[in-house]
């Protein structure tokens, strides 16, 4: 399994979603705080969310990561993570297990504009 994963979330019907053909996911939504965390991260990086973005993530630190999320607890069929940067929790649904065998103690994320977009 790769240590670094990449998805390209985009807005659909006003919600952050992503597709990952290899994982069998189509328009998988981010909800319960994960959507708000994305909004905060994009604003902090100056990335225009309406154009989508690239999200690289891993259970291990990697050069250039922007944010660390710490596992808080299981609940509501998924796992809750805490962002010290934004002082908030975000829920990740069971789709997390398409990428990890178990919920990682921490997730590291890098937010980048899509390749065709430059951050302002």
PDB file of N, CA and C in Angstrom:
ATOM      1  N   UNK A   1       0.838  -1.181   0.000  1.00  0.00           N
ATOM      2  CA  UNK A   1       0.000   0.000   0.000  1.00  0.00           C
ATOM      3  C   UNK A   1       0.884   1.246   0.000  1.00  0.00           C
ATOM      4  N   UNK A   2       0.524   2.259  -0.776  1.00  0.00           N
ATOM      5  CA  UNK A   2       1.302   3.496  -0.829  1.00  0.00           C
ATOM      6  C   UNK A   2       1.252   4.231   0.501  1.00  0.00           C
ATOM      7  N   UNK A   3       2.347   4.890   0.833  1.00  0.00           N
ATOM      8  CA  UNK A   3       2.394   5.696   2.060  1.00  0.00           C
ATOM      9  C   UNK A   3       1.699   7.029   1.845  1.00  0.00           C
ATOM     10  N   UNK A   4       1.781   7.573   0.629  1.00  0.00           N
ATOM     11  CA  UNK A   4       1.120   8.836   0.284  1.00  0.00           C
ATOM     12  C   UNK A   4      -0.048   8.560  -0.636  1.00  0.00           C
ATOM     13  N   UNK A   5      -1.165   9.187  -0.326  1.00  0.00           N
ATOM     14  CA  UNK A   5      -2.358   9.058  -1.169  1.00  0.00           C
ATOM     15  C   UNK A   5      -2.747  10.436  -1.666  1.00  0.00           C
ATOM     16  N   UNK A   6      -3.371  10.484  -2.830  1.00  0.00           N
ATOM     17  CA  UNK A   6      -3.791  11.757  -3.417  1.00  0.00           C
ATOM     18  C   UNK A   6      -5.215  11.622  -3.928  1.00  0.00           C
ATOM     19  N   UNK A   7      -6.040  12.597  -3.563  1.00  0.00           N
ATOM     20  CA  UNK A   7      -7.392  12.701  -4.101  1.00  0.00           C
ATOM     21  C   UNK A   7      -7.596  14.141  -4.554  1.00  0.00           C
ATOM     22  N   UNK A   8      -8.615  14.369  -5.350  1.00  0.00           N
ATOM     23  CA  UNK A   8      -8.925  15.709  -5.858  1.00  0.00           C
ATOM     24  C   UNK A   8     -10.364  16.075  -5.518  1.00  0.00           C
ATOM     25  N   UNK A   9     -10.607  16.525  -4.294  1.00  0.00           N
ATOM     26  CA  UNK A   9     -11.965  16.927  -3.919  1.00  0.00           C
ATOM     27  C   UNK A   9     -12.475  18.100  -4.760  1.00  0.00           C
ATOM     28  N   UNK A  10     -13.791  18.160  -4.900  1.00  0.00           N
ATOM     29  CA  UNK A  10     -14.454  19.210  -5.659  1.00  0.00           C
ATOM     30  C   UNK A  10     -15.845  19.411  -5.078  1.00  0.00           C
ATOM     31  N   UNK A  11     -16.467  20.510  -5.453  1.00  0.00           N
ATOM     32  CA  UNK A  11     -17.819  20.799  -4.963  1.00  0.00           C
ATOM     33  C   UNK A  11     -18.855  20.153  -5.880  1.00  0.00           C
ATOM     34  N   UNK A  12     -19.833  19.507  -5.253  1.00  0.00           N
ATOM     35  CA  UNK A  12     -20.969  18.933  -5.972  1.00  0.00           C
ATOM     36  C   UNK A  12     -22.201  19.191  -5.119  1.00  0.00           C
ATOM     37  N   UNK A  13     -23.170  19.884  -5.688  1.00  0.00           N
ATOM     38  CA  UNK A  13     -24.396  20.240  -4.970  1.00  0.00           C
ATOM     39  C   UNK A  13     -24.086  20.946  -3.646  1.00  0.00           C
ATOM     40  N   UNK A  14     -23.039  21.769  -3.674  1.00  0.00           N
ATOM     41  CA  UNK A  14     -22.664  22.555  -2.509  1.00  0.00           C
ATOM     42  C   UNK A  14     -21.877  21.806  -1.452  1.00  0.00           C
ATOM     43  N   UNK A  15     -21.488  20.558  -1.735  1.00  0.00           N
ATOM     44  CA  UNK A  15     -20.747  19.743  -0.759  1.00  0.00           C
ATOM     45  C   UNK A  15     -19.383  19.355  -1.326  1.00  0.00           C
ATOM     46  N   UNK A  16     -18.406  19.219  -0.428  1.00  0.00           N
ATOM     47  CA  UNK A  16     -17.116  18.668  -0.831  1.00  0.00           C
ATOM     48  C   UNK A  16     -17.258  17.164  -1.018  1.00  0.00           C
ATOM     49  N   UNK A  17     -16.846  16.682  -2.179  1.00  0.00           N
ATOM     50  CA  UNK A  17     -16.880  15.258  -2.497  1.00  0.00           C
ATOM     51  C   UNK A  17     -15.594  14.902  -3.237  1.00  0.00           C
ATOM     52  N   UNK A  18     -15.344  13.610  -3.382  1.00  0.00           N
ATOM     53  CA  UNK A  18     -14.212  13.175  -4.195  1.00  0.00           C
ATOM     54  C   UNK A  18     -14.539  11.836  -4.831  1.00  0.00           C
ATOM     55  N   UNK A  19     -13.837  11.564  -5.915  1.00  0.00           N
ATOM     56  CA  UNK A  19     -13.934  10.292  -6.621  1.00  0.00           C
ATOM     57  C   UNK A  19     -12.589   9.592  -6.511  1.00  0.00           C
ATOM     58  N   UNK A  20     -12.618   8.304  -6.361  1.00  0.00           N
ATOM     59  CA  UNK A  20     -11.396   7.501  -6.400  1.00  0.00           C
ATOM     60  C   UNK A  20     -11.764   6.151  -6.982  1.00  0.00           C
ATOM     61  N   UNK A  21     -11.560   6.028  -8.278  1.00  0.00           N
ATOM     62  CA  UNK A  21     -11.944   4.819  -8.995  1.00  0.00           C
ATOM     63  C   UNK A  21     -11.295   3.580  -8.400  1.00  0.00           C
ATOM     64  N   UNK A  22     -10.010   3.681  -8.026  1.00  0.00           N
ATOM     65  CA  UNK A  22      -9.308   2.520  -7.465  1.00  0.00           C
ATOM     66  C   UNK A  22      -9.922   2.054  -6.146  1.00  0.00           C
ATOM     67  N   UNK A  23     -10.491   2.996  -5.380  1.00  0.00           N
ATOM     68  CA  UNK A  23     -11.105   2.648  -4.098  1.00  0.00           C
ATOM     69  C   UNK A  23     -12.603   2.379  -4.236  1.00  0.00           C
ATOM     70  N   UNK A  24     -13.136   2.551  -5.438  1.00  0.00           N
ATOM     71  CA  UNK A  24     -14.558   2.317  -5.659  1.00  0.00           C
ATOM     72  C   UNK A  24     -15.447   3.411  -5.082  1.00  0.00           C
ATOM     73  N   UNK A  25     -14.937   4.633  -5.022  1.00  0.00           N
ATOM     74  CA  UNK A  25     -15.693   5.747  -4.444  1.00  0.00           C
ATOM     75  C   UNK A  25     -16.059   6.769  -5.518  1.00  0.00           C
ATOM     76  N   UNK A  26     -17.317   7.172  -5.526  1.00  0.00           N
ATOM     77  CA  UNK A  26     -17.800   8.186  -6.462  1.00  0.00           C
ATOM     78  C   UNK A  26     -18.605   9.199  -5.665  1.00  0.00           C
ATOM     79  N   UNK A  27     -18.230  10.453  -5.779  1.00  0.00           N
ATOM     80  CA  UNK A  27     -18.878  11.561  -5.069  1.00  0.00           C
ATOM     81  C   UNK A  27     -19.027  11.260  -3.573  1.00  0.00           C
ATOM     82  N   UNK A  28     -17.955  10.731  -2.990  1.00  0.00           N
ATOM     83  CA  UNK A  28     -17.919  10.451  -1.546  1.00  0.00           C
ATOM     84  C   UNK A  28     -17.850  11.791  -0.811  1.00  0.00           C
ATOM     85  N   UNK A  29     -18.833  12.093   0.036  1.00  0.00           N
ATOM     86  CA  UNK A  29     -18.870  13.416   0.663  1.00  0.00           C
ATOM     87  C   UNK A  29     -18.033  13.528   1.934  1.00  0.00           C
ATOM     88  N   UNK A  30     -17.543  14.731   2.162  1.00  0.00           N
ATOM     89  CA  UNK A  30     -16.948  15.102   3.444  1.00  0.00           C
ATOM     90  C   UNK A  30     -18.043  15.806   4.234  1.00  0.00           C
ATOM     91  N   UNK A  31     -18.319  15.341   5.448  1.00  0.00           N
ATOM     92  CA  UNK A  31     -19.389  15.896   6.281  1.00  0.00           C
ATOM     93  C   UNK A  31     -18.899  16.022   7.725  1.00  0.00           C
ATOM     94  N   UNK A  32     -19.768  16.504   8.595  1.00  0.00           N
ATOM     95  CA  UNK A  32     -19.555  16.528  10.045  1.00  0.00           C
ATOM     96  C   UNK A  32     -18.227  17.153  10.456  1.00  0.00           C
ATOM     97  N   UNK A  33     -17.970  18.322   9.952  1.00  0.00           N
ATOM     98  CA  UNK A  33     -16.768  19.050  10.324  1.00  0.00           C
ATOM     99  C   UNK A  33     -15.632  18.904   9.336  1.00  0.00           C
ATOM    100  N   UNK A  34     -15.549  17.782   8.619  1.00  0.00           N
ATOM    101  CA  UNK A  34     -14.489  17.614   7.626  1.00  0.00           C
ATOM    102  C   UNK A  34     -14.653  18.651   6.506  1.00  0.00           C
ATOM    103  N   UNK A  35     -15.899  18.940   6.145  1.00  0.00           N
ATOM    104  CA  UNK A  35     -16.168  19.948   5.119  1.00  0.00           C
ATOM    105  C   UNK A  35     -15.719  21.332   5.579  1.00  0.00           C
ATOM    106  N   UNK A  36     -15.999  21.677   6.823  1.00  0.00           N
ATOM    107  CA  UNK A  36     -15.604  22.975   7.369  1.00  0.00           C
ATOM    108  C   UNK A  36     -14.090  23.064   7.506  1.00  0.00           C
ATOM    109  N   UNK A  37     -13.466  21.980   7.916  1.00  0.00           N
ATOM    110  CA  UNK A  37     -12.014  21.962   8.020  1.00  0.00           C
ATOM    111  C   UNK A  37     -11.379  22.213   6.651  1.00  0.00           C
ATOM    112  N   UNK A  38     -11.923  21.605   5.625  1.00  0.00           N
ATOM    113  CA  UNK A  38     -11.430  21.848   4.259  1.00  0.00           C
ATOM    114  C   UNK A  38     -11.548  23.328   3.920  1.00  0.00           C
ATOM    115  N   UNK A  39     -12.698  23.931   4.205  1.00  0.00           N
ATOM    116  CA  UNK A  39     -12.880  25.358   3.916  1.00  0.00           C
ATOM    117  C   UNK A  39     -11.823  26.205   4.617  1.00  0.00           C
ATOM    118  N   UNK A  40     -11.561  25.911   5.895  1.00  0.00           N
ATOM    119  CA  UNK A  40     -10.553  26.666   6.655  1.00  0.00           C
ATOM    120  C   UNK A  40      -9.153  26.475   6.068  1.00  0.00           C
ATOM    121  N   UNK A  41      -8.816  25.245   5.735  1.00  0.00           N
ATOM    122  CA  UNK A  41      -7.489  24.956   5.188  1.00  0.00           C
ATOM    123  C   UNK A  41      -7.279  25.646   3.845  1.00  0.00           C
ATOM    124  N   UNK A  42      -8.278  25.605   2.991  1.00  0.00           N
ATOM    125  CA  UNK A  42      -8.159  26.260   1.685  1.00  0.00           C
ATOM    126  C   UNK A  42      -8.015  27.768   1.843  1.00  0.00           C
ATOM    127  N   UNK A  43      -8.810  28.360   2.723  1.00  0.00           N
ATOM    128  CA  UNK A  43      -8.727  29.809   2.953  1.00  0.00           C
ATOM    129  C   UNK A  43      -7.343  30.175   3.481  1.00  0.00           C
ATOM    130  N   UNK A  44      -6.817  29.384   4.406  1.00  0.00           N
ATOM    131  CA  UNK A  44      -5.501  29.667   4.976  1.00  0.00           C
ATOM    132  C   UNK A  44      -4.399  29.582   3.928  1.00  0.00           C
ATOM    133  N   UNK A  45      -4.585  28.715   2.946  1.00  0.00           N
ATOM    134  CA  UNK A  45      -3.589  28.542   1.884  1.00  0.00           C
ATOM    135  C   UNK A  45      -3.848  29.440   0.668  1.00  0.00           C
ATOM    136  N   UNK A  46      -4.969  30.161   0.661  1.00  0.00           N
ATOM    137  CA  UNK A  46      -5.289  31.029  -0.470  1.00  0.00           C
ATOM    138  C   UNK A  46      -5.693  30.274  -1.723  1.00  0.00           C
ATOM    139  N   UNK A  47      -6.281  29.105  -1.538  1.00  0.00           N
ATOM    140  CA  UNK A  47      -6.713  28.276  -2.667  1.00  0.00           C
ATOM    141  C   UNK A  47      -8.201  28.501  -2.890  1.00  0.00           C
ATOM    142  N   UNK A  48      -8.580  28.728  -4.145  1.00  0.00           N
ATOM    143  CA  UNK A  48      -9.986  28.933  -4.494  1.00  0.00           C
ATOM    144  C   UNK A  48     -10.703  27.586  -4.536  1.00  0.00           C
ATOM    145  N   UNK A  49     -11.515  27.330  -3.537  1.00  0.00           N
ATOM    146  CA  UNK A  49     -12.183  26.051  -3.419  1.00  0.00           C
ATOM    147  C   UNK A  49     -13.159  25.740  -4.526  1.00  0.00           C
ATOM    148  N   UNK A  50     -13.747  26.755  -5.130  1.00  0.00           N
ATOM    149  CA  UNK A  50     -14.742  26.488  -6.168  1.00  0.00           C
ATOM    150  C   UNK A  50     -14.131  25.796  -7.380  1.00  0.00           C
ATOM    151  N   UNK A  51     -12.826  25.759  -7.459  1.00  0.00           N
ATOM    152  CA  UNK A  51     -12.141  25.104  -8.577  1.00  0.00           C
ATOM    153  C   UNK A  51     -11.623  23.716  -8.209  1.00  0.00           C
ATOM    154  N   UNK A  52     -11.918  23.269  -6.989  1.00  0.00           N
ATOM    155  CA  UNK A  52     -11.389  21.994  -6.528  1.00  0.00           C
ATOM    156  C   UNK A  52      -9.943  22.158  -6.080  1.00  0.00           C
ATOM    157  N   UNK A  53      -9.361  21.090  -5.606  1.00  0.00           N
ATOM    158  CA  UNK A  53      -7.978  21.142  -5.140  1.00  0.00           C
ATOM    159  C   UNK A  53      -7.426  19.728  -5.076  1.00  0.00           C
ATOM    160  N   UNK A  54      -6.143  19.645  -4.800  1.00  0.00           N
ATOM    161  CA  UNK A  54      -5.480  18.353  -4.646  1.00  0.00           C
ATOM    162  C   UNK A  54      -5.153  18.165  -3.167  1.00  0.00           C
ATOM    163  N   UNK A  55      -5.486  17.018  -2.629  1.00  0.00           N
ATOM    164  CA  UNK A  55      -5.226  16.700  -1.237  1.00  0.00           C
ATOM    165  C   UNK A  55      -4.323  15.469  -1.166  1.00  0.00           C
ATOM    166  N   UNK A  56      -3.106  15.672  -0.661  1.00  0.00           N
ATOM    167  CA  UNK A  56      -2.196  14.558  -0.426  1.00  0.00           C
ATOM    168  C   UNK A  56      -2.254  14.257   1.066  1.00  0.00           C
ATOM    169  N   UNK A  57      -2.354  12.975   1.426  1.00  0.00           N
ATOM    170  CA  UNK A  57      -2.449  12.635   2.838  1.00  0.00           C
ATOM    171  C   UNK A  57      -1.725  11.330   3.135  1.00  0.00           C
ATOM    172  N   UNK A  58      -1.351  11.193   4.421  1.00  0.00           N
ATOM    173  CA  UNK A  58      -0.603  10.031   4.856  1.00  0.00           C
ATOM    174  C   UNK A  58      -0.763   9.867   6.359  1.00  0.00           C
ATOM    175  N   UNK A  59      -0.484   8.668   6.850  1.00  0.00           N
ATOM    176  CA  UNK A  59      -0.451   8.422   8.285  1.00  0.00           C
ATOM    177  C   UNK A  59       0.918   8.764   8.864  1.00  0.00           C
ATOM    178  N   UNK A  60       1.862   9.156   8.005  1.00  0.00           N
ATOM    179  CA  UNK A  60       3.209   9.531   8.426  1.00  0.00           C
ATOM    180  C   UNK A  60       3.523  10.940   7.943  1.00  0.00           C
ATOM    181  N   UNK A  61       4.366  11.625   8.694  1.00  0.00           N
ATOM    182  CA  UNK A  61       4.810  12.948   8.245  1.00  0.00           C
ATOM    183  C   UNK A  61       5.514  12.814   6.904  1.00  0.00           C
ATOM    184  N   UNK A  62       5.369  13.840   6.067  1.00  0.00           N
ATOM    185  CA  UNK A  62       6.077  13.884   4.794  1.00  0.00           C
ATOM    186  C   UNK A  62       6.466  15.330   4.514  1.00  0.00           C
ATOM    187  N   UNK A  63       7.502  15.548   3.720  1.00  0.00           N
ATOM    188  CA  UNK A  63       7.956  16.915   3.444  1.00  0.00           C
ATOM    189  C   UNK A  63       6.837  17.755   2.830  1.00  0.00           C
ATOM    190  N   UNK A  64       6.613  18.933   3.382  1.00  0.00           N
ATOM    191  CA  UNK A  64       5.631  19.850   2.831  1.00  0.00           C
ATOM    192  C   UNK A  64       4.221  19.696   3.365  1.00  0.00           C
ATOM    193  N   UNK A  65       3.986  18.777   4.311  1.00  0.00           N
ATOM    194  CA  UNK A  65       2.612  18.648   4.803  1.00  0.00           C
ATOM    195  C   UNK A  65       2.205  19.956   5.479  1.00  0.00           C
ATOM    196  N   UNK A  66       0.913  20.266   5.385  1.00  0.00           N
ATOM    197  CA  UNK A  66       0.384  21.518   5.929  1.00  0.00           C
ATOM    198  C   UNK A  66      -0.225  21.358   7.314  1.00  0.00           C
ATOM    199  N   UNK A  67      -0.956  20.267   7.521  1.00  0.00           N
ATOM    200  CA  UNK A  67      -1.732  20.113   8.745  1.00  0.00           C
ATOM    201  C   UNK A  67      -1.657  18.681   9.264  1.00  0.00           C
ATOM    202  N   UNK A  68      -1.730  18.583  10.578  1.00  0.00           N
ATOM    203  CA  UNK A  68      -1.768  17.289  11.245  1.00  0.00           C
ATOM    204  C   UNK A  68      -3.112  17.168  11.952  1.00  0.00           C
ATOM    205  N   UNK A  69      -3.775  16.039  11.748  1.00  0.00           N
ATOM    206  CA  UNK A  69      -5.012  15.729  12.454  1.00  0.00           C
ATOM    207  C   UNK A  69      -4.714  14.562  13.400  1.00  0.00           C
ATOM    208  N   UNK A  70      -5.152  14.677  14.626  1.00  0.00           N
ATOM    209  CA  UNK A  70      -4.894  13.656  15.624  1.00  0.00           C
ATOM    210  C   UNK A  70      -6.171  12.876  15.903  1.00  0.00           C
ATOM    211  N   UNK A  71      -6.057  11.548  15.913  1.00  0.00           N
ATOM    212  CA  UNK A  71      -7.220  10.702  16.199  1.00  0.00           C
ATOM    213  C   UNK A  71      -7.758  11.043  17.578  1.00  0.00           C
ATOM    214  N   UNK A  72      -9.073  11.215  17.670  1.00  0.00           N
ATOM    215  CA  UNK A  72      -9.713  11.553  18.945  1.00  0.00           C
ATOM    216  C   UNK A  72     -10.513  10.371  19.494  1.00  0.00           C
ATOM    217  N   UNK A  73     -11.335   9.748  18.620  1.00  0.00           N
ATOM    218  CA  UNK A  73     -12.192   8.660  19.100  1.00  0.00           C
ATOM    219  C   UNK A  73     -12.975   8.065  17.928  1.00  0.00           C
ATOM    220  N   UNK A  74     -13.517   6.875  18.157  1.00  0.00           N
ATOM    221  CA  UNK A  74     -14.476   6.286  17.233  1.00  0.00           C
ATOM    222  C   UNK A  74     -15.837   6.869  17.556  1.00  0.00           C
ATOM    223  N   UNK A  75     -16.709   6.886  16.573  1.00  0.00           N
ATOM    224  CA  UNK A  75     -18.067   7.321  16.835  1.00  0.00           C
ATOM    225  C   UNK A  75     -18.875   7.468  15.569  1.00  0.00           C
ATOM    226  N   UNK A  76     -20.171   7.222  15.696  1.00  0.00           N
ATOM    227  CA  UNK A  76     -21.104   7.377  14.591  1.00  0.00           C
ATOM    228  C   UNK A  76     -20.671   6.580  13.358  1.00  0.00           C
ATOM    229  N   UNK A  77     -20.051   5.435  13.590  1.00  0.00           N
ATOM    230  CA  UNK A  77     -19.655   4.565  12.487  1.00  0.00           C
ATOM    231  C   UNK A  77     -18.362   4.956  11.809  1.00  0.00           C
ATOM    232  N   UNK A  78     -17.721   6.011  12.263  1.00  0.00           N
ATOM    233  CA  UNK A  78     -16.469   6.460  11.675  1.00  0.00           C
ATOM    234  C   UNK A  78     -15.470   6.823  12.758  1.00  0.00           C
ATOM    235  N   UNK A  79     -14.586   7.742  12.440  1.00  0.00           N
ATOM    236  CA  UNK A  79     -13.559   8.177  13.379  1.00  0.00           C
ATOM    237  C   UNK A  79     -13.470   9.696  13.393  1.00  0.00           C
ATOM    238  N   UNK A  80     -13.312  10.227  14.599  1.00  0.00           N
ATOM    239  CA  UNK A  80     -13.176  11.666  14.794  1.00  0.00           C
ATOM    240  C   UNK A  80     -11.700  12.020  14.934  1.00  0.00           C
ATOM    241  N   UNK A  81     -11.310  13.090  14.248  1.00  0.00           N
ATOM    242  CA  UNK A  81      -9.944  13.607  14.302  1.00  0.00           C
ATOM    243  C   UNK A  81      -9.990  15.066  14.743  1.00  0.00           C
ATOM    244  N   UNK A  82      -8.926  15.496  15.422  1.00  0.00           N
ATOM    245  CA  UNK A  82      -8.853  16.863  15.931  1.00  0.00           C
ATOM    246  C   UNK A  82      -7.746  17.626  15.216  1.00  0.00           C
ATOM    247  N   UNK A  83      -8.070  18.849  14.815  1.00  0.00           N
ATOM    248  CA  UNK A  83      -7.096  19.753  14.209  1.00  0.00           C
ATOM    249  C   UNK A  83      -6.708  20.800  15.232  1.00  0.00           C
ATOM    250  N   UNK A  84      -5.468  20.752  15.672  1.00  0.00           N
ATOM    251  CA  UNK A  84      -4.966  21.764  16.595  1.00  0.00           C
ATOM    252  C   UNK A  84      -4.876  23.116  15.894  1.00  0.00           C
ATOM    253  N   UNK A  85      -4.590  23.112  14.590  1.00  0.00           N
ATOM    254  CA  UNK A  85      -4.485  24.364  13.828  1.00  0.00           C
ATOM    255  C   UNK A  85      -5.795  25.140  13.823  1.00  0.00           C
ATOM    256  N   UNK A  86      -6.906  24.425  13.677  1.00  0.00           N
ATOM    257  CA  UNK A  86      -8.207  25.078  13.560  1.00  0.00           C
ATOM    258  C   UNK A  86      -9.077  24.887  14.804  1.00  0.00           C
ATOM    259  N   UNK A  87      -8.546  24.187  15.809  1.00  0.00           N
ATOM    260  CA  UNK A  87      -9.260  23.965  17.077  1.00  0.00           C
ATOM    261  C   UNK A  87     -10.657  23.400  16.839  1.00  0.00           C
ATOM    262  N   UNK A  88     -10.694  22.320  16.049  1.00  0.00           N
ATOM    263  CA  UNK A  88     -11.981  21.705  15.724  1.00  0.00           C
ATOM    264  C   UNK A  88     -11.816  20.226  15.431  1.00  0.00           C
ATOM    265  N   UNK A  89     -12.932  19.511  15.538  1.00  0.00           N
ATOM    266  CA  UNK A  89     -12.964  18.105  15.187  1.00  0.00           C
ATOM    267  C   UNK A  89     -13.598  17.913  13.817  1.00  0.00           C
ATOM    268  N   UNK A  90     -13.208  16.821  13.183  1.00  0.00           N
ATOM    269  CA  UNK A  90     -13.770  16.447  11.892  1.00  0.00           C
ATOM    270  C   UNK A  90     -13.987  14.938  11.892  1.00  0.00           C
ATOM    271  N   UNK A  91     -15.122  14.518  11.370  1.00  0.00           N
ATOM    272  CA  UNK A  91     -15.468  13.103  11.314  1.00  0.00           C
ATOM    273  C   UNK A  91     -15.095  12.552   9.950  1.00  0.00           C
ATOM    274  N   UNK A  92     -14.436  11.403   9.943  1.00  0.00           N
ATOM    275  CA  UNK A  92     -14.126  10.711   8.699  1.00  0.00           C
ATOM    276  C   UNK A  92     -14.893   9.394   8.686  1.00  0.00           C
ATOM    277  N   UNK A  93     -15.631   9.191   7.619  1.00  0.00           N
ATOM    278  CA  UNK A  93     -16.511   8.036   7.498  1.00  0.00           C
ATOM    279  C   UNK A  93     -15.711   6.759   7.248  1.00  0.00           C
ATOM    280  N   UNK A  94     -16.376   5.612   7.190  1.00  0.00           N
ATOM    281  CA  UNK A  94     -15.671   4.344   6.976  1.00  0.00           C
ATOM    282  C   UNK A  94     -14.900   4.258   5.663  1.00  0.00           C
ATOM    283  N   UNK A  95     -15.068   5.204   4.756  1.00  0.00           N
ATOM    284  CA  UNK A  95     -14.244   5.217   3.542  1.00  0.00           C
ATOM    285  C   UNK A  95     -12.765   5.356   3.888  1.00  0.00           C
ATOM    286  N   UNK A  96     -12.474   5.821   5.106  1.00  0.00           N
ATOM    287  CA  UNK A  96     -11.088   5.896   5.583  1.00  0.00           C
ATOM    288  C   UNK A  96     -10.400   4.537   5.441  1.00  0.00           C
ATOM    289  N   UNK A  97     -11.169   3.459   5.617  1.00  0.00           N
ATOM    290  CA  UNK A  97     -10.593   2.117   5.573  1.00  0.00           C
ATOM    291  C   UNK A  97     -10.345   1.620   4.144  1.00  0.00           C
ATOM    292  N   UNK A  98     -10.685   2.423   3.154  1.00  0.00           N
ATOM    293  CA  UNK A  98     -10.261   2.131   1.786  1.00  0.00           C
ATOM    294  C   UNK A  98      -8.774   2.469   1.623  1.00  0.00           C
ATOM    295  N   UNK A  99      -8.250   3.281   2.553  1.00  0.00           N
ATOM    296  CA  UNK A  99      -6.868   3.761   2.483  1.00  0.00           C
ATOM    297  C   UNK A  99      -5.980   3.227   3.601  1.00  0.00           C
ATOM    298  N   UNK A 100      -6.582   2.842   4.718  1.00  0.00           N
ATOM    299  CA  UNK A 100      -5.826   2.369   5.877  1.00  0.00           C
ATOM    300  C   UNK A 100      -6.511   1.135   6.459  1.00  0.00           C
ATOM    301  N   UNK A 101      -5.714   0.211   6.957  1.00  0.00           N
ATOM    302  CA  UNK A 101      -6.271  -0.997   7.582  1.00  0.00           C
ATOM    303  C   UNK A 101      -6.953  -0.685   8.904  1.00  0.00           C
ATOM    304  N   UNK A 102      -6.451   0.319   9.605  1.00  0.00           N
ATOM    305  CA  UNK A 102      -7.059   0.786  10.850  1.00  0.00           C
ATOM    306  C   UNK A 102      -6.928   2.299  10.898  1.00  0.00           C
ATOM    307  N   UNK A 103      -7.718   2.930  11.748  1.00  0.00           N
ATOM    308  CA  UNK A 103      -7.678   4.389  11.849  1.00  0.00           C
ATOM    309  C   UNK A 103      -6.301   4.829  12.352  1.00  0.00           C
ATOM    310  N   UNK A 104      -5.578   5.632  11.579  1.00  0.00           N
ATOM    311  CA  UNK A 104      -4.261   6.085  12.016  1.00  0.00           C
ATOM    312  C   UNK A 104      -4.348   6.993  13.245  1.00  0.00           C
ATOM    313  N   UNK A 105      -3.295   6.959  14.054  1.00  0.00           N
ATOM    314  CA  UNK A 105      -3.211   7.843  15.222  1.00  0.00           C
ATOM    315  C   UNK A 105      -3.147   9.305  14.798  1.00  0.00           C
ATOM    316  N   UNK A 106      -2.608   9.544  13.616  1.00  0.00           N
ATOM    317  CA  UNK A 106      -2.532  10.901  13.077  1.00  0.00           C
ATOM    318  C   UNK A 106      -2.643  10.824  11.564  1.00  0.00           C
ATOM    319  N   UNK A 107      -3.152  11.895  10.984  1.00  0.00           N
ATOM    320  CA  UNK A 107      -3.183  12.058   9.530  1.00  0.00           C
ATOM    321  C   UNK A 107      -2.471  13.360   9.198  1.00  0.00           C
ATOM    322  N   UNK A 108      -1.653  13.321   8.167  1.00  0.00           N
ATOM    323  CA  UNK A 108      -0.917  14.494   7.710  1.00  0.00           C
ATOM    324  C   UNK A 108      -1.438  14.834   6.325  1.00  0.00           C
ATOM    325  N   UNK A 109      -1.687  16.125   6.101  1.00  0.00           N
ATOM    326  CA  UNK A 109      -2.328  16.531   4.853  1.00  0.00           C
ATOM    327  C   UNK A 109      -1.640  17.733   4.227  1.00  0.00           C
ATOM    328  N   UNK A 110      -1.591  17.709   2.915  1.00  0.00           N
ATOM    329  CA  UNK A 110      -1.089  18.843   2.133  1.00  0.00           C
ATOM    330  C   UNK A 110      -2.181  19.258   1.162  1.00  0.00           C
ATOM    331  N   UNK A 111      -2.528  20.532   1.173  1.00  0.00           N
ATOM    332  CA  UNK A 111      -3.544  21.096   0.296  1.00  0.00           C
ATOM    333  C   UNK A 111      -2.842  21.894  -0.795  1.00  0.00           C
ATOM    334  N   UNK A 112      -3.162  21.595  -2.049  1.00  0.00           N
ATOM    335  CA  UNK A 112      -2.570  22.291  -3.186  1.00  0.00           C
ATOM    336  C   UNK A 112      -3.657  22.636  -4.191  1.00  0.00           C
ATOM    337  N   UNK A 113      -3.465  23.712  -4.920  1.00  0.00           N
ATOM    338  CA  UNK A 113      -4.413  23.994  -6.014  1.00  0.00           C
ATOM    339  C   UNK A 113      -4.318  22.896  -7.066  1.00  0.00           C
ATOM    340  N   UNK A 114      -5.369  22.773  -7.853  1.00  0.00           N
ATOM    341  CA  UNK A 114      -5.292  21.844  -8.981  1.00  0.00           C
ATOM    342  C   UNK A 114      -4.144  22.281  -9.879  1.00  0.00           C
ATOM    343  N   UNK A 115      -3.617  21.382 -10.646  1.00  0.00           N
ATOM    344  CA  UNK A 115      -2.442  21.667 -11.488  1.00  0.00           C
ATOM    345  C   UNK A 115      -2.685  22.843 -12.436  1.00  0.00           C
ATOM    346  N   UNK A 116      -3.931  23.067 -12.828  1.00  0.00           N
ATOM    347  CA  UNK A 116      -4.218  24.134 -13.782  1.00  0.00           C
ATOM    348  C   UNK A 116      -4.458  25.480 -13.097  1.00  0.00           C
ATOM    349  N   UNK A 117      -4.385  25.503 -11.763  1.00  0.00           N
ATOM    350  CA  UNK A 117      -4.647  26.722 -11.013  1.00  0.00           C
ATOM    351  C   UNK A 117      -3.411  27.132 -10.218  1.00  0.00           C
ATOM    352  N   UNK A 118      -3.184  28.402 -10.099  1.00  0.00           N
ATOM    353  CA  UNK A 118      -2.140  28.957  -9.259  1.00  0.00           C
ATOM    354  C   UNK A 118      -2.809  29.566  -8.040  1.00  0.00           C
ATOM    355  N   UNK A 119      -2.256  29.370  -6.841  1.00  0.00           N
ATOM    356  CA  UNK A 119      -2.799  30.025  -5.643  1.00  0.00           C
ATOM    357  C   UNK A 119      -2.513  31.516  -5.727  1.00  0.00           C
ATOM    358  N   UNK A 120      -3.459  32.318  -5.263  1.00  0.00           N
ATOM    359  CA  UNK A 120      -3.247  33.776  -5.277  1.00  0.00           C
ATOM    360  C   UNK A 120      -2.297  34.191  -4.188  1.00  0.00           C
TER     361      UNK A 120
END
